[in-house]
Every structure is written in structure tokens, then in C-alpha cells.
Amino acid sequence: HTPRLASPRTVIPAGSVGIGGAQTGIYPLAS
């Protein structure tokens, strides 16, 4: 479990796997 970024990224590549707090997931699109 890891805190989210203090300043979100404006673009994350599609397919990125991340951790946000107590969750994990896959960004299916660039966003």
C-alpha cells in the first residue's frame, strides 16, 4: 500500500500498472 503521487502525471502510457493507496490496477488507455 503506497500513497498516490502528490502531483498527478498529465499523461500515463496505456498499459501502465500502478498502485494507488490500497489498490492496484492497469491503465487501459493513455490518460
ModelCIF file with pLDDT and N, C-alpha, C, O atoms, coordinates in Angstrom:
data_MODEL
#
_entry.id   MODEL 
#
_entity.id                         1 
_entity.type                       polymer 
_entity.pdbx_number_of_molecules   1 
#
_entity_poly.entity_id                      1 
_entity_poly.type                           'polypeptide(L)' 
_entity_poly.nstd_linkage                   no 
_entity_poly.nstd_monomer                   no 
_entity_poly.pdbx_seq_one_letter_code       HTPRLASPRTVIPAGSVGIGGAQTGIYPLAS 
_entity_poly.pdbx_seq_one_letter_code_can   HTPRLASPRTVIPAGSVGIGGAQTGIYPLAS 
_entity_poly.pdbx_strand_id                 A 
#
loop_
_entity_poly_seq.entity_id 
_entity_poly_seq.num 
_entity_poly_seq.mon_id 
_entity_poly_seq.hetero 
1 1  HIS n 
1 2  THR n 
1 3  PRO n 
1 4  ARG n 
1 5  LEU n 
1 6  ALA n 
1 7  SER n 
1 8  PRO n 
1 9  ARG n 
1 10 THR n 
1 11 VAL n 
1 12 ILE n 
1 13 PRO n 
1 14 ALA n 
1 15 GLY n 
1 16 SER n 
1 17 VAL n 
1 18 GLY n 
1 19 ILE n 
1 20 GLY n 
1 21 GLY n 
1 22 ALA n 
1 23 GLN n 
1 24 THR n 
1 25 GLY n 
1 26 ILE n 
1 27 TYR n 
1 28 PRO n 
1 29 LEU n 
1 30 ALA n 
1 31 SER n 
#
_struct_asym.id          A 
_struct_asym.entity_id   1 
#
loop_
_ma_qa_metric.id 
_ma_qa_metric.mode 
_ma_qa_metric.name 
_ma_qa_metric.software_group_id 
_ma_qa_metric.type 
1 global pLDDT . pLDDT 
2 local  pLDDT . pLDDT 
#
_ma_qa_metric_global.metric_id      1 
_ma_qa_metric_global.metric_value   95.87 
_ma_qa_metric_global.model_id       1 
_ma_qa_metric_global.ordinal_id     1 
#
loop_
_ma_qa_metric_local.label_asym_id 
_ma_qa_metric_local.label_comp_id 
_ma_qa_metric_local.label_seq_id 
_ma_qa_metric_local.metric_id 
_ma_qa_metric_local.metric_value 
_ma_qa_metric_local.model_id 
_ma_qa_metric_local.ordinal_id 
A HIS 1  2 98.00 1 1  
A THR 2  2 98.00 1 2  
A PRO 3  2 97.00 1 3  
A ARG 4  2 96.00 1 4  
A LEU 5  2 96.00 1 5  
A ALA 6  2 94.00 1 6  
A SER 7  2 95.00 1 7  
A PRO 8  2 95.00 1 8  
A ARG 9  2 97.00 1 9  
A THR 10 2 96.00 1 10 
A VAL 11 2 95.00 1 11 
A ILE 12 2 96.00 1 12 
A PRO 13 2 97.00 1 13 
A ALA 14 2 96.00 1 14 
A GLY 15 2 97.00 1 15 
A SER 16 2 98.00 1 16 
A VAL 17 2 98.00 1 17 
A GLY 18 2 97.00 1 18 
A ILE 19 2 97.00 1 19 
A GLY 20 2 95.00 1 20 
A GLY 21 2 95.00 1 21 
A ALA 22 2 93.00 1 22 
A GLN 23 2 93.00 1 23 
A THR 24 2 95.00 1 24 
A GLY 25 2 94.00 1 25 
A ILE 26 2 96.00 1 26 
A TYR 27 2 96.00 1 27 
A PRO 28 2 95.00 1 28 
A LEU 29 2 96.00 1 29 
A ALA 30 2 96.00 1 30 
A SER 31 2 95.00 1 31 
#
loop_
_atom_site.group_PDB 
_atom_site.id 
_atom_site.type_symbol 
_atom_site.label_atom_id 
_atom_site.label_alt_id 
_atom_site.label_comp_id 
_atom_site.label_asym_id 
_atom_site.label_entity_id 
_atom_site.label_seq_id 
_atom_site.pdbx_PDB_ins_code 
_atom_site.Cartn_x 
_atom_site.Cartn_y 
_atom_site.Cartn_z 
_atom_site.occupancy 
_atom_site.B_iso_or_equiv 
_atom_site.pdbx_formal_charge 
_atom_site.auth_seq_id 
_atom_site.auth_comp_id 
_atom_site.auth_asym_id 
_atom_site.auth_atom_id 
_atom_site.pdbx_PDB_model_num 
ATOM 1   N N  . HIS A 1 1  ? 0.844  -1.191 0.000   1.00 98.00 ? 1  HIS A N  1 
ATOM 2   C CA . HIS A 1 1  ? 0.000  0.000  0.000   1.00 98.00 ? 1  HIS A CA 1 
ATOM 3   C C  . HIS A 1 1  ? 0.882  1.244  0.000   1.00 98.00 ? 1  HIS A C  1 
ATOM 4   O O  . HIS A 1 1  ? 1.713  1.420  0.891   1.00 98.00 ? 1  HIS A O  1 
ATOM 5   N N  . THR A 1 2  ? 0.703  2.099  -0.991  1.00 98.00 ? 2  THR A N  1 
ATOM 6   C CA . THR A 1 2  ? 1.563  3.262  -1.178  1.00 98.00 ? 2  THR A CA 1 
ATOM 7   C C  . THR A 1 2  ? 0.710  4.469  -1.547  1.00 98.00 ? 2  THR A C  1 
ATOM 8   O O  . THR A 1 2  ? -0.166 4.358  -2.405  1.00 98.00 ? 2  THR A O  1 
ATOM 9   N N  . PRO A 1 3  ? 0.945  5.617  -0.922  1.00 97.00 ? 3  PRO A N  1 
ATOM 10  C CA . PRO A 1 3  ? 0.146  6.812  -1.261  1.00 97.00 ? 3  PRO A CA 1 
ATOM 11  C C  . PRO A 1 3  ? 0.280  7.197  -2.728  1.00 97.00 ? 3  PRO A C  1 
ATOM 12  O O  . PRO A 1 3  ? 1.306  6.949  -3.362  1.00 97.00 ? 3  PRO A O  1 
ATOM 13  N N  . ARG A 1 4  ? -0.766 7.802  -3.246  1.00 96.00 ? 4  ARG A N  1 
ATOM 14  C CA . ARG A 1 4  ? -0.721 8.323  -4.607  1.00 96.00 ? 4  ARG A CA 1 
ATOM 15  C C  . ARG A 1 4  ? 0.295  9.457  -4.713  1.00 96.00 ? 4  ARG A C  1 
ATOM 16  O O  . ARG A 1 4  ? 0.745  9.999  -3.704  1.00 96.00 ? 4  ARG A O  1 
ATOM 17  N N  . LEU A 1 5  ? 0.647  9.803  -5.938  1.00 96.00 ? 5  LEU A N  1 
ATOM 18  C CA . LEU A 1 5  ? 1.577  10.899 -6.164  1.00 96.00 ? 5  LEU A CA 1 
ATOM 19  C C  . LEU A 1 5  ? 0.980  12.214 -5.653  1.00 96.00 ? 5  LEU A C  1 
ATOM 20  O O  . LEU A 1 5  ? -0.224 12.444 -5.765  1.00 96.00 ? 5  LEU A O  1 
ATOM 21  N N  . ALA A 1 6  ? 1.830  13.062 -5.098  1.00 94.00 ? 6  ALA A N  1 
ATOM 22  C CA . ALA A 1 6  ? 1.367  14.373 -4.627  1.00 94.00 ? 6  ALA A CA 1 
ATOM 23  C C  . ALA A 1 6  ? 0.892  15.222 -5.806  1.00 94.00 ? 6  ALA A C  1 
ATOM 24  O O  . ALA A 1 6  ? -0.063 15.988 -5.681  1.00 94.00 ? 6  ALA A O  1 
ATOM 25  N N  . SER A 1 7  ? 1.562  15.081 -6.949  1.00 95.00 ? 7  SER A N  1 
ATOM 26  C CA . SER A 1 7  ? 1.182  15.797 -8.173  1.00 95.00 ? 7  SER A CA 1 
ATOM 27  C C  . SER A 1 7  ? 0.960  14.770 -9.279  1.00 95.00 ? 7  SER A C  1 
ATOM 28  O O  . SER A 1 7  ? 1.926  14.191 -9.775  1.00 95.00 ? 7  SER A O  1 
ATOM 29  N N  . PRO A 1 8  ? -0.280 14.531 -9.674  1.00 95.00 ? 8  PRO A N  1 
ATOM 30  C CA . PRO A 1 8  ? -0.552 13.517 -10.704 1.00 95.00 ? 8  PRO A CA 1 
ATOM 31  C C  . PRO A 1 8  ? 0.147  13.846 -12.022 1.00 95.00 ? 8  PRO A C  1 
ATOM 32  O O  . PRO A 1 8  ? 0.358  15.013 -12.353 1.00 95.00 ? 8  PRO A O  1 
ATOM 33  N N  . ARG A 1 9  ? 0.501  12.807 -12.762 1.00 97.00 ? 9  ARG A N  1 
ATOM 34  C CA . ARG A 1 9  ? 1.055  12.977 -14.099 1.00 97.00 ? 9  ARG A CA 1 
ATOM 35  C C  . ARG A 1 9  ? -0.064 13.378 -15.063 1.00 97.00 ? 9  ARG A C  1 
ATOM 36  O O  . ARG A 1 9  ? -1.210 12.952 -14.917 1.00 97.00 ? 9  ARG A O  1 
ATOM 37  N N  . THR A 1 10 ? 0.289  14.204 -16.049 1.00 96.00 ? 10 THR A N  1 
ATOM 38  C CA . THR A 1 10 ? -0.717 14.614 -17.028 1.00 96.00 ? 10 THR A CA 1 
ATOM 39  C C  . THR A 1 10 ? -0.958 13.524 -18.068 1.00 96.00 ? 10 THR A C  1 
ATOM 40  O O  . THR A 1 10 ? -2.042 13.450 -18.648 1.00 96.00 ? 10 THR A O  1 
ATOM 41  N N  . VAL A 1 11 ? 0.046  12.677 -18.309 1.00 95.00 ? 11 VAL A N  1 
ATOM 42  C CA . VAL A 1 11 ? -0.114 11.581 -19.269 1.00 95.00 ? 11 VAL A CA 1 
ATOM 43  C C  . VAL A 1 11 ? 0.577  10.330 -18.732 1.00 95.00 ? 11 VAL A C  1 
ATOM 44  O O  . VAL A 1 11 ? 1.760  10.356 -18.391 1.00 95.00 ? 11 VAL A O  1 
ATOM 45  N N  . ILE A 1 12 ? -0.173 9.248  -18.666 1.00 96.00 ? 12 ILE A N  1 
ATOM 46  C CA . ILE A 1 12 ? 0.368  7.939  -18.288 1.00 96.00 ? 12 ILE A CA 1 
ATOM 47  C C  . ILE A 1 12 ? 0.198  7.021  -19.488 1.00 96.00 ? 12 ILE A C  1 
ATOM 48  O O  . ILE A 1 12 ? -0.890 6.966  -20.061 1.00 96.00 ? 12 ILE A O  1 
ATOM 49  N N  . PRO A 1 13 ? 1.244  6.295  -19.888 1.00 97.00 ? 13 PRO A N  1 
ATOM 50  C CA . PRO A 1 13 ? 1.136  5.426  -21.072 1.00 97.00 ? 13 PRO A CA 1 
ATOM 51  C C  . PRO A 1 13 ? 0.103  4.319  -20.882 1.00 97.00 ? 13 PRO A C  1 
ATOM 52  O O  . PRO A 1 13 ? -0.063 3.785  -19.785 1.00 97.00 ? 13 PRO A O  1 
ATOM 53  N N  . ALA A 1 14 ? -0.576 3.991  -21.957 1.00 96.00 ? 14 ALA A N  1 
ATOM 54  C CA . ALA A 1 14 ? -1.521 2.866  -21.923 1.00 96.00 ? 14 ALA A CA 1 
ATOM 55  C C  . ALA A 1 14 ? -0.789 1.595  -21.517 1.00 96.00 ? 14 ALA A C  1 
ATOM 56  O O  . ALA A 1 14 ? 0.343  1.362  -21.940 1.00 96.00 ? 14 ALA A O  1 
ATOM 57  N N  . GLY A 1 15 ? -1.436 0.775  -20.700 1.00 97.00 ? 15 GLY A N  1 
ATOM 58  C CA . GLY A 1 15 ? -0.844 -0.471 -20.243 1.00 97.00 ? 15 GLY A CA 1 
ATOM 59  C C  . GLY A 1 15 ? -0.075 -0.342 -18.942 1.00 97.00 ? 15 GLY A C  1 
ATOM 60  O O  . GLY A 1 15 ? 0.392  -1.344 -18.401 1.00 97.00 ? 15 GLY A O  1 
ATOM 61  N N  . SER A 1 16 ? 0.066  0.880  -18.427 1.00 98.00 ? 16 SER A N  1 
ATOM 62  C CA . SER A 1 16 ? 0.809  1.063  -17.176 1.00 98.00 ? 16 SER A CA 1 
ATOM 63  C C  . SER A 1 16 ? 0.095  0.379  -16.022 1.00 98.00 ? 16 SER A C  1 
ATOM 64  O O  . SER A 1 16 ? -1.128 0.447  -15.900 1.00 98.00 ? 16 SER A O  1 
ATOM 65  N N  . VAL A 1 17 ? 0.884  -0.284 -15.176 1.00 98.00 ? 17 VAL A N  1 
ATOM 66  C CA . VAL A 1 17 ? 0.367  -0.950 -13.982 1.00 98.00 ? 17 VAL A CA 1 
ATOM 67  C C  . VAL A 1 17 ? 0.792  -0.125 -12.782 1.00 98.00 ? 17 VAL A C  1 
ATOM 68  O O  . VAL A 1 17 ? 1.975  0.174  -12.618 1.00 98.00 ? 17 VAL A O  1 
ATOM 69  N N  . GLY A 1 18 ? -0.158 0.241  -11.947 1.00 97.00 ? 18 GLY A N  1 
ATOM 70  C CA . GLY A 1 18 ? 0.165  1.139  -10.850 1.00 97.00 ? 18 GLY A CA 1 
ATOM 71  C C  . GLY A 1 18 ? -0.435 0.716  -9.528  1.00 97.00 ? 18 GLY A C  1 
ATOM 72  O O  . GLY A 1 18 ? -1.252 -0.202 -9.449  1.00 97.00 ? 18 GLY A O  1 
ATOM 73  N N  . ILE A 1 19 ? -0.002 1.417  -8.490  1.00 97.00 ? 19 ILE A N  1 
ATOM 74  C CA . ILE A 1 19 ? -0.535 1.245  -7.140  1.00 97.00 ? 19 ILE A CA 1 
ATOM 75  C C  . ILE A 1 19 ? -0.992 2.608  -6.649  1.00 97.00 ? 19 ILE A C  1 
ATOM 76  O O  . ILE A 1 19 ? -0.255 3.591  -6.729  1.00 97.00 ? 19 ILE A O  1 
ATOM 77  N N  . GLY A 1 20 ? -2.207 2.656  -6.143  1.00 95.00 ? 20 GLY A N  1 
ATOM 78  C CA . GLY A 1 20 ? -2.746 3.887  -5.589  1.00 95.00 ? 20 GLY A CA 1 
ATOM 79  C C  . GLY A 1 20 ? -3.388 3.589  -4.252  1.00 95.00 ? 20 GLY A C  1 
ATOM 80  O O  . GLY A 1 20 ? -4.506 3.076  -4.199  1.00 95.00 ? 20 GLY A O  1 
ATOM 81  N N  . GLY A 1 21 ? -2.689 3.906  -3.164  1.00 95.00 ? 21 GLY A N  1 
ATOM 82  C CA . GLY A 1 21 ? -3.217 3.574  -1.848  1.00 95.00 ? 21 GLY A CA 1 
ATOM 83  C C  . GLY A 1 21 ? -3.254 2.074  -1.655  1.00 95.00 ? 21 GLY A C  1 
ATOM 84  O O  . GLY A 1 21 ? -2.223 1.404  -1.724  1.00 95.00 ? 21 GLY A O  1 
ATOM 85  N N  . ALA A 1 22 ? -4.455 1.542  -1.410  1.00 93.00 ? 22 ALA A N  1 
ATOM 86  C CA . ALA A 1 22 ? -4.614 0.107  -1.150  1.00 93.00 ? 22 ALA A CA 1 
ATOM 87  C C  . ALA A 1 22 ? -5.011 -0.675 -2.394  1.00 93.00 ? 22 ALA A C  1 
ATOM 88  O O  . ALA A 1 22 ? -5.380 -1.846 -2.301  1.00 93.00 ? 22 ALA A O  1 
ATOM 89  N N  . GLN A 1 23 ? -4.938 -0.034 -3.561  1.00 93.00 ? 23 GLN A N  1 
ATOM 90  C CA . GLN A 1 23 ? -5.390 -0.704 -4.773  1.00 93.00 ? 23 GLN A CA 1 
ATOM 91  C C  . GLN A 1 23 ? -4.293 -0.755 -5.826  1.00 93.00 ? 23 GLN A C  1 
ATOM 92  O O  . GLN A 1 23 ? -3.351 0.036  -5.810  1.00 93.00 ? 23 GLN A O  1 
ATOM 93  N N  . THR A 1 24 ? -4.439 -1.695 -6.727  1.00 95.00 ? 24 THR A N  1 
ATOM 94  C CA . THR A 1 24 ? -3.577 -1.781 -7.897  1.00 95.00 ? 24 THR A CA 1 
ATOM 95  C C  . THR A 1 24 ? -4.464 -1.914 -9.119  1.00 95.00 ? 24 THR A C  1 
ATOM 96  O O  . THR A 1 24 ? -5.616 -2.334 -9.012  1.00 95.00 ? 24 THR A O  1 
ATOM 97  N N  . GLY A 1 25 ? -3.929 -1.553 -10.290 1.00 94.00 ? 25 GLY A N  1 
ATOM 98  C CA . GLY A 1 25 ? -4.739 -1.622 -11.489 1.00 94.00 ? 25 GLY A CA 1 
ATOM 99  C C  . GLY A 1 25 ? -3.915 -1.323 -12.725 1.00 94.00 ? 25 GLY A C  1 
ATOM 100 O O  . GLY A 1 25 ? -2.727 -1.013 -12.640 1.00 94.00 ? 25 GLY A O  1 
ATOM 101 N N  . ILE A 1 26 ? -4.571 -1.423 -13.885 1.00 96.00 ? 26 ILE A N  1 
ATOM 102 C CA . ILE A 1 26 ? -3.939 -1.218 -15.187 1.00 96.00 ? 26 ILE A CA 1 
ATOM 103 C C  . ILE A 1 26 ? -4.620 -0.049 -15.883 1.00 96.00 ? 26 ILE A C  1 
ATOM 104 O O  . ILE A 1 26 ? -5.847 -0.006 -15.965 1.00 96.00 ? 26 ILE A O  1 
ATOM 105 N N  . TYR A 1 27 ? -3.845 0.888  -16.381 1.00 96.00 ? 27 TYR A N  1 
ATOM 106 C CA . TYR A 1 27 ? -4.389 1.963  -17.198 1.00 96.00 ? 27 TYR A CA 1 
ATOM 107 C C  . TYR A 1 27 ? -4.578 1.434  -18.625 1.00 96.00 ? 27 TYR A C  1 
ATOM 108 O O  . TYR A 1 27 ? -3.589 1.198  -19.319 1.00 96.00 ? 27 TYR A O  1 
ATOM 109 N N  . PRO A 1 28 ? -5.817 1.241  -19.079 1.00 95.00 ? 28 PRO A N  1 
ATOM 110 C CA . PRO A 1 28 ? -6.035 0.655  -20.406 1.00 95.00 ? 28 PRO A CA 1 
ATOM 111 C C  . PRO A 1 28 ? -5.799 1.637  -21.551 1.00 95.00 ? 28 PRO A C  1 
ATOM 112 O O  . PRO A 1 28 ? -5.583 1.231  -22.693 1.00 95.00 ? 28 PRO A O  1 
ATOM 113 N N  . LEU A 1 29 ? -5.842 2.923  -21.238 1.00 96.00 ? 29 LEU A N  1 
ATOM 114 C CA . LEU A 1 29 ? -5.628 3.973  -22.235 1.00 96.00 ? 29 LEU A CA 1 
ATOM 115 C C  . LEU A 1 29 ? -4.675 5.011  -21.660 1.00 96.00 ? 29 LEU A C  1 
ATOM 116 O O  . LEU A 1 29 ? -4.543 5.134  -20.443 1.00 96.00 ? 29 LEU A O  1 
ATOM 117 N N  . ALA A 1 30 ? -4.012 5.755  -22.538 1.00 96.00 ? 30 ALA A N  1 
ATOM 118 C CA . ALA A 1 30 ? -3.189 6.868  -22.071 1.00 96.00 ? 30 ALA A CA 1 
ATOM 119 C C  . ALA A 1 30 ? -4.099 7.903  -21.420 1.00 96.00 ? 30 ALA A C  1 
ATOM 120 O O  . ALA A 1 30 ? -5.124 8.277  -21.989 1.00 96.00 ? 30 ALA A O  1 
ATOM 121 N N  . SER A 1 31 ? -3.728 8.362  -20.237 1.00 95.00 ? 31 SER A N  1 
ATOM 122 C CA . SER A 1 31 ? -4.585 9.297  -19.514 1.00 95.00 ? 31 SER A CA 1 
ATOM 123 C C  . SER A 1 31 ? -3.791 9.949  -18.390 1.00 95.00 ? 31 SER A C  1 
ATOM 124 O O  . SER A 1 31 ? -4.329 10.775 -17.653 1.00 95.00 ? 31 SER A O  1 
#
